[in-house]
Amino acid sequence: MPPLKSKPHSHAKKDFEAFWNSTRLQLAEIAPRFKEIPKPSLDTKAYKVYLIEMQSLDNMTIRGWYRVPTVSGPHPVVLQLPSLGGSFFNVQTLAEKPRHGVPTDFAVLSLNIRGHGNSKEIIDVGENYRHLVSYHLESRETYLYRGAVADALRALDFLVTRPEIDSRRIVAEGGSQGGALSLIVAALDSRVKLCAPDVPFLSDIDRLLQYAPWFADEMARYQKTVPDLSLWRVQYNLSYFDTKNFAEKIKIPVLMSLGLQDQTCPAITGLVTYNYIQGEKQLFIYPEANHEGGGEQHRRRKFDWIREKWSM
């Protein structure tokens, strides 16, 4: 099938690595001030639940839900990253949420990046969550996703401080926006050991603008709100967040899923990123699926893959 060979030239700018190195250095200067707040009303015999708070880039307070098995560890852990506008209100089990849950023998940190869930205090775009994808896009330094990536990196900082966590078994995963963030942190941070993105967003931005009208419309809307913000500048800034420009730096095993009927994040865009990944990788394309990707079937497949990789 010809699209499987799609691999256009990377458009990463010369200072791409310097930009992300600088971002990480700025994050490191901010004291994380981790807080764990027990939530006994959410505990079960199988796990305990905590509300987690931490300080991230721009001294922004970020929150998430942390679930730990009650049996002795150290435990493998899932860093779960949210879809666009999605919010984690608790950590769901696979039995409770077959499309989004996590089995109870894994620890899991479900992170609400800035602008999502209980991390909305400073960034709140109201009911139209699609405005998040253009939030302060006039500069790569102020763009929402620079902070969102830093939020995910800070979550890794938290996980490796925990004695109950096996830091050799950290998997980053998520769908759509969460899929993009999982790919980016896998490229930037060797503490991630497996990466399992579904229907990833922010992949092959130029094609995304061409084939995803909702995304192009949001970029056009935002351009009108910022004097002299050209489409060229929009594309230039977005290139620093395009997953295809991170893909060659991913050296860990990757399991990706795509939906062939996906109109939100067209499969061809995620496929380009997949083709750039140099290491061990596996792809499932679901021919009849839209933006749900492989749904419950792939969720089960994902955890089977993780268990196989870690001999669980």
Protein backbone atom coordinates (compact mmCIF):
# COMPACT_ATOMS: atom_id res chain seq x y z
CA MET A 1 0.00 0.00 0.00
CA PRO A 2 1.81 3.20 -1.20
CA PRO A 3 1.02 5.44 1.80
CA LEU A 4 3.04 3.10 4.02
CA LYS A 5 6.16 4.42 2.24
CA SER A 6 5.31 8.03 2.97
CA LYS A 7 8.35 9.73 4.46
CA PRO A 8 8.81 13.40 3.44
CA HIS A 9 11.90 15.31 4.41
CA SER A 10 12.12 16.42 8.01
CA HIS A 11 11.63 20.15 8.50
CA ALA A 12 13.26 20.47 11.92
CA LYS A 13 15.00 23.81 12.28
CA LYS A 14 18.72 24.04 13.01
CA ASP A 15 18.10 25.10 16.60
CA PHE A 16 15.49 22.41 17.27
CA GLU A 17 17.66 20.57 19.80
CA ALA A 18 18.88 23.80 21.37
CA PHE A 19 15.29 24.93 21.86
CA TRP A 20 14.36 21.77 23.72
CA ASN A 21 17.60 21.68 25.71
CA SER A 22 16.87 25.24 26.83
CA THR A 23 13.31 24.27 27.78
CA ARG A 24 14.57 21.41 29.92
CA LEU A 25 17.13 23.65 31.62
CA GLN A 26 14.44 26.21 32.44
CA LEU A 27 12.23 23.47 33.86
CA ALA A 28 15.11 22.18 36.00
CA GLU A 29 15.44 25.62 37.62
CA ILE A 30 11.88 25.40 38.98
CA ALA A 31 11.47 23.58 42.28
CA PRO A 32 8.88 20.84 41.68
CA ARG A 33 7.32 21.05 45.16
CA PHE A 34 5.59 17.71 44.79
CA LYS A 35 2.49 17.19 46.92
CA GLU A 36 0.66 13.92 47.47
CA ILE A 37 -2.84 14.24 48.87
CA PRO A 38 -4.40 10.90 49.87
CA LYS A 39 -7.92 10.27 48.57
CA PRO A 40 -9.11 7.38 50.76
CA SER A 41 -12.65 7.60 49.37
CA LEU A 42 -11.21 6.38 46.04
CA ASP A 43 -9.10 3.57 47.50
CA THR A 44 -9.94 -0.10 46.97
CA LYS A 45 -8.41 -3.33 48.19
CA ALA A 46 -6.31 -3.36 45.01
CA TYR A 47 -4.91 0.17 45.05
CA LYS A 48 -4.54 3.52 46.80
CA VAL A 49 -5.23 6.86 45.10
CA TYR A 50 -3.59 10.25 45.54
CA LEU A 51 -4.12 13.69 44.10
CA ILE A 52 -0.70 14.93 42.94
CA GLU A 53 0.40 18.55 42.59
CA MET A 54 3.66 19.83 41.15
CA GLN A 55 5.19 23.03 39.80
CA SER A 56 6.08 23.08 36.12
CA LEU A 57 7.37 25.55 33.56
CA ASP A 58 6.25 29.15 34.13
CA ASN A 59 5.76 28.16 37.79
CA MET A 60 2.40 26.71 36.86
CA THR A 61 0.72 24.26 39.22
CA ILE A 62 -0.07 20.98 37.47
CA ARG A 63 -2.19 18.19 38.92
CA GLY A 64 -2.93 14.57 38.26
CA TRP A 65 -4.20 11.34 39.78
CA TYR A 66 -1.75 8.76 41.04
CA ARG A 67 -2.79 5.18 41.69
CA VAL A 68 -0.53 2.63 43.40
CA PRO A 69 -1.20 -1.11 43.85
CA THR A 70 -1.54 -2.18 47.48
CA VAL A 71 0.71 -5.19 46.94
CA SER A 72 4.42 -4.64 47.49
CA GLY A 73 6.47 -3.15 44.66
CA PRO A 74 8.41 -1.83 42.93
CA HIS A 75 5.72 -1.47 40.28
CA PRO A 76 5.76 -0.80 36.55
CA VAL A 77 4.09 2.54 35.89
CA VAL A 78 2.00 4.11 33.15
CA LEU A 79 2.30 7.84 32.49
CA GLN A 80 -1.11 8.54 30.97
CA LEU A 81 -1.34 11.77 28.95
CA PRO A 82 -4.67 13.39 28.01
CA SER A 83 -6.39 13.92 24.70
CA LEU A 84 -7.16 17.48 23.60
CA GLY A 85 -9.63 18.93 26.08
CA GLY A 86 -9.74 15.61 27.89
CA SER A 87 -9.64 15.56 31.67
CA PHE A 88 -8.69 12.90 34.16
CA PHE A 89 -10.98 12.93 37.18
CA ASN A 90 -9.71 9.67 38.65
CA VAL A 91 -7.64 6.72 37.52
CA GLN A 92 -9.92 4.15 35.90
CA THR A 93 -9.28 0.42 35.74
CA LEU A 94 -9.36 -1.50 32.49
CA ALA A 95 -12.48 -3.32 33.71
CA GLU A 96 -14.25 0.00 34.40
CA LYS A 97 -13.09 1.78 31.23
CA PRO A 98 -12.14 -0.75 28.53
CA ARG A 99 -11.07 2.03 26.13
CA HIS A 100 -9.00 4.12 28.55
CA GLY A 101 -8.38 2.20 31.78
CA VAL A 102 -5.20 0.73 33.22
CA PRO A 103 -4.94 -2.75 34.79
CA THR A 104 -4.68 -2.71 38.57
CA ASP A 105 -1.23 -4.36 38.72
CA PHE A 106 0.29 -1.20 37.21
CA ALA A 107 0.89 2.04 39.04
CA VAL A 108 -0.41 4.93 36.95
CA LEU A 109 -0.10 8.70 36.91
CA SER A 110 -2.94 10.25 34.90
CA LEU A 111 -1.61 13.74 34.28
CA ASN A 112 -3.77 16.78 33.60
CA ILE A 113 -1.42 19.01 31.63
CA ARG A 114 -2.01 22.77 31.73
CA GLY A 115 -5.41 23.76 30.42
CA HIS A 116 -6.92 20.36 31.24
CA GLY A 117 -8.98 19.00 34.13
CA ASN A 118 -7.84 20.27 37.50
CA SER A 119 -4.87 22.08 35.88
CA LYS A 120 -7.04 24.78 34.30
CA GLU A 121 -6.56 27.56 36.83
CA ILE A 122 -4.44 29.81 34.62
CA ILE A 123 -5.17 28.49 31.14
CA ASP A 124 -8.86 28.06 30.44
CA VAL A 125 -10.15 28.62 26.89
CA GLY A 126 -13.76 28.00 27.84
CA GLU A 127 -16.05 25.58 26.08
CA ASN A 128 -14.15 25.48 22.78
CA TYR A 129 -11.20 23.34 23.80
CA ARG A 130 -9.85 23.47 20.23
CA HIS A 131 -8.55 26.94 21.03
CA LEU A 132 -5.87 25.18 23.09
CA VAL A 133 -4.05 24.10 19.92
CA SER A 134 -3.42 27.74 18.98
CA TYR A 135 -2.93 29.16 22.48
CA HIS A 136 -0.11 31.74 22.28
CA LEU A 137 1.18 30.26 19.03
CA GLU A 138 2.61 33.63 18.03
CA SER A 139 5.84 32.43 19.63
CA ARG A 140 7.35 28.99 20.10
CA GLU A 141 8.42 30.14 23.57
CA THR A 142 4.89 30.97 24.70
CA TYR A 143 3.01 28.22 22.83
CA LEU A 144 0.90 26.01 25.06
CA TYR A 145 2.57 22.80 23.95
CA ARG A 146 6.01 23.91 25.13
CA GLY A 147 4.56 24.03 28.62
CA ALA A 148 2.58 20.83 28.09
CA VAL A 149 5.72 18.90 27.18
CA ALA A 150 7.42 20.35 30.26
CA ASP A 151 4.45 19.17 32.35
CA ALA A 152 4.95 15.61 31.11
CA LEU A 153 8.68 15.79 31.83
CA ARG A 154 7.95 17.05 35.34
CA ALA A 155 5.64 14.07 35.85
CA LEU A 156 8.61 11.83 35.06
CA ASP A 157 10.59 13.76 37.68
CA PHE A 158 7.90 12.81 40.19
CA LEU A 159 7.76 9.15 39.23
CA VAL A 160 11.48 8.53 39.59
CA THR A 161 11.41 9.89 43.15
CA ARG A 162 8.93 7.24 44.23
CA PRO A 163 10.40 4.16 45.99
CA GLU A 164 7.35 2.08 45.03
CA ILE A 165 8.04 2.65 41.31
CA ASP A 166 10.36 0.56 39.15
CA SER A 167 12.07 3.32 37.18
CA ARG A 168 13.24 0.73 34.63
CA ARG A 169 9.61 0.15 33.65
CA ILE A 170 7.98 3.46 32.72
CA VAL A 171 5.63 3.56 29.74
CA ALA A 172 4.22 6.77 28.25
CA GLU A 173 0.90 6.48 26.48
CA GLY A 174 -2.15 8.39 25.34
CA GLY A 175 -4.47 9.04 22.44
CA SER A 176 -4.48 11.98 20.01
CA GLN A 177 -2.84 14.85 21.92
CA GLY A 178 -1.72 12.30 24.52
CA GLY A 179 -0.22 10.20 21.75
CA ALA A 180 1.78 13.17 20.51
CA LEU A 181 3.03 14.02 24.00
CA SER A 182 4.03 10.41 24.64
CA LEU A 183 6.13 10.39 21.46
CA ILE A 184 7.76 13.70 22.32
CA VAL A 185 8.74 12.74 25.87
CA ALA A 186 10.00 9.37 24.61
CA ALA A 187 12.33 11.28 22.30
CA LEU A 188 13.44 13.80 24.92
CA ASP A 189 13.80 11.65 28.02
CA SER A 190 15.51 8.28 28.36
CA ARG A 191 13.56 7.56 31.54
CA VAL A 192 10.66 6.50 29.31
CA LYS A 193 11.23 2.84 28.46
CA LEU A 194 8.18 2.06 26.28
CA CYS A 195 5.93 4.32 24.21
CA ALA A 196 2.39 3.43 23.13
CA PRO A 197 0.70 6.30 21.23
CA ASP A 198 -2.73 6.04 19.63
CA VAL A 199 -3.93 8.18 16.68
CA PRO A 200 -1.26 10.82 17.48
CA PHE A 201 -1.91 14.52 16.96
CA LEU A 202 0.77 17.06 15.93
CA SER A 203 2.17 14.65 13.36
CA ASP A 204 3.42 15.92 9.99
CA ILE A 205 1.97 19.38 10.61
CA ASP A 206 1.96 20.50 6.97
CA ARG A 207 -0.23 17.55 5.98
CA LEU A 208 -2.35 17.99 9.08
CA LEU A 209 -3.13 21.53 7.92
CA GLN A 210 -4.00 20.14 4.51
CA TYR A 211 -6.12 17.14 5.51
CA ALA A 212 -7.70 18.17 8.84
CA PRO A 213 -10.02 21.15 8.17
CA TRP A 214 -10.77 21.66 11.89
CA PHE A 215 -7.06 22.25 12.55
CA ALA A 216 -6.58 24.57 9.57
CA ASP A 217 -9.69 26.54 10.57
CA GLU A 218 -8.40 26.99 14.12
CA MET A 219 -5.04 28.23 12.84
CA ALA A 220 -6.79 30.68 10.50
CA ARG A 221 -9.02 31.92 13.34
CA TYR A 222 -6.04 32.53 15.56
CA GLN A 223 -4.09 34.33 12.86
CA LYS A 224 -6.85 36.93 12.72
CA THR A 225 -6.44 37.66 16.42
CA VAL A 226 -2.70 38.38 16.21
CA PRO A 227 -1.51 41.28 14.00
CA ASP A 228 0.87 40.23 11.21
CA LEU A 229 0.92 36.55 12.20
CA SER A 230 1.55 34.84 8.86
CA LEU A 231 0.82 31.23 7.96
CA TRP A 232 4.57 30.84 7.44
CA ARG A 233 5.20 31.88 11.04
CA VAL A 234 2.47 29.53 12.28
CA GLN A 235 4.06 26.61 10.43
CA TYR A 236 7.54 27.64 11.58
CA ASN A 237 6.52 27.66 15.23
CA LEU A 238 4.56 24.42 14.92
CA SER A 239 7.61 22.64 13.47
CA TYR A 240 9.18 22.62 16.94
CA PHE A 241 6.27 20.45 18.15
CA ASP A 242 5.83 18.16 15.13
CA THR A 243 6.22 14.54 16.23
CA LYS A 244 7.98 13.61 12.99
CA ASN A 245 10.87 15.87 14.00
CA PHE A 246 11.26 13.92 17.25
CA ALA A 247 10.81 10.45 15.78
CA GLU A 248 14.40 9.66 14.83
CA LYS A 249 15.46 10.31 18.45
CA ILE A 250 13.14 7.61 19.80
CA LYS A 251 15.28 4.57 20.62
CA ILE A 252 12.82 2.55 22.71
CA PRO A 253 10.09 0.11 21.56
CA VAL A 254 6.99 1.83 20.19
CA LEU A 255 3.49 0.46 19.65
CA MET A 256 1.30 2.79 17.55
CA SER A 257 -2.31 2.55 16.39
CA LEU A 258 -4.08 4.50 13.64
CA GLY A 259 -7.66 4.66 12.35
CA LEU A 260 -7.88 4.68 8.57
CA GLN A 261 -11.12 6.72 8.60
CA ASP A 262 -9.78 9.27 11.08
CA GLN A 263 -10.71 12.81 10.04
CA THR A 264 -9.34 14.44 13.21
CA CYS A 265 -5.76 13.17 12.96
CA PRO A 266 -5.64 11.54 9.50
CA ALA A 267 -3.74 8.27 9.49
CA ILE A 268 -1.26 9.48 6.88
CA THR A 269 0.09 12.07 9.33
CA GLY A 270 0.78 9.57 12.09
CA LEU A 271 2.21 7.19 9.52
CA VAL A 272 4.87 9.71 8.56
CA THR A 273 6.03 9.94 12.17
CA TYR A 274 5.99 6.15 12.47
CA ASN A 275 8.20 5.78 9.40
CA TYR A 276 10.85 8.05 10.91
CA ILE A 277 11.17 5.97 14.09
CA GLN A 278 14.43 4.04 13.78
CA GLY A 279 14.12 1.59 16.65
CA GLU A 280 11.88 -1.37 17.38
CA LYS A 281 8.31 -0.54 16.45
CA GLN A 282 4.94 -2.07 15.69
CA LEU A 283 1.93 -0.50 13.98
CA PHE A 284 -1.74 -1.49 13.94
CA ILE A 285 -3.97 0.21 11.39
CA TYR A 286 -7.70 -0.26 11.92
CA PRO A 287 -9.35 0.07 8.49
CA GLU A 288 -12.87 0.91 9.68
CA ALA A 289 -11.88 3.06 12.63
CA ASN A 290 -12.16 6.81 13.02
CA HIS A 291 -10.43 8.79 15.77
CA GLU A 292 -11.14 6.06 18.33
CA GLY A 293 -8.44 3.98 16.64
CA GLY A 294 -8.51 0.39 17.78
CA GLY A 295 -10.75 1.15 20.76
CA GLU A 296 -11.17 -1.61 23.34
CA GLN A 297 -9.47 -4.18 21.12
CA HIS A 298 -6.29 -2.17 20.87
CA ARG A 299 -6.35 -1.25 24.56
CA ARG A 300 -6.16 -4.93 25.45
CA ARG A 301 -3.51 -5.45 22.79
CA LYS A 302 -1.45 -2.58 24.22
CA PHE A 303 -1.23 -4.09 27.68
CA ASP A 304 -0.49 -7.51 26.26
CA TRP A 305 2.43 -5.88 24.42
CA ILE A 306 3.67 -4.12 27.57
CA ARG A 307 3.49 -7.34 29.58
CA GLU A 308 5.43 -9.18 26.90
CA LYS A 309 8.15 -6.52 26.82
CA TRP A 310 8.56 -6.63 30.59
CA SER A 311 8.00 -10.37 31.03
CA MET A 312 5.03 -9.76 33.32
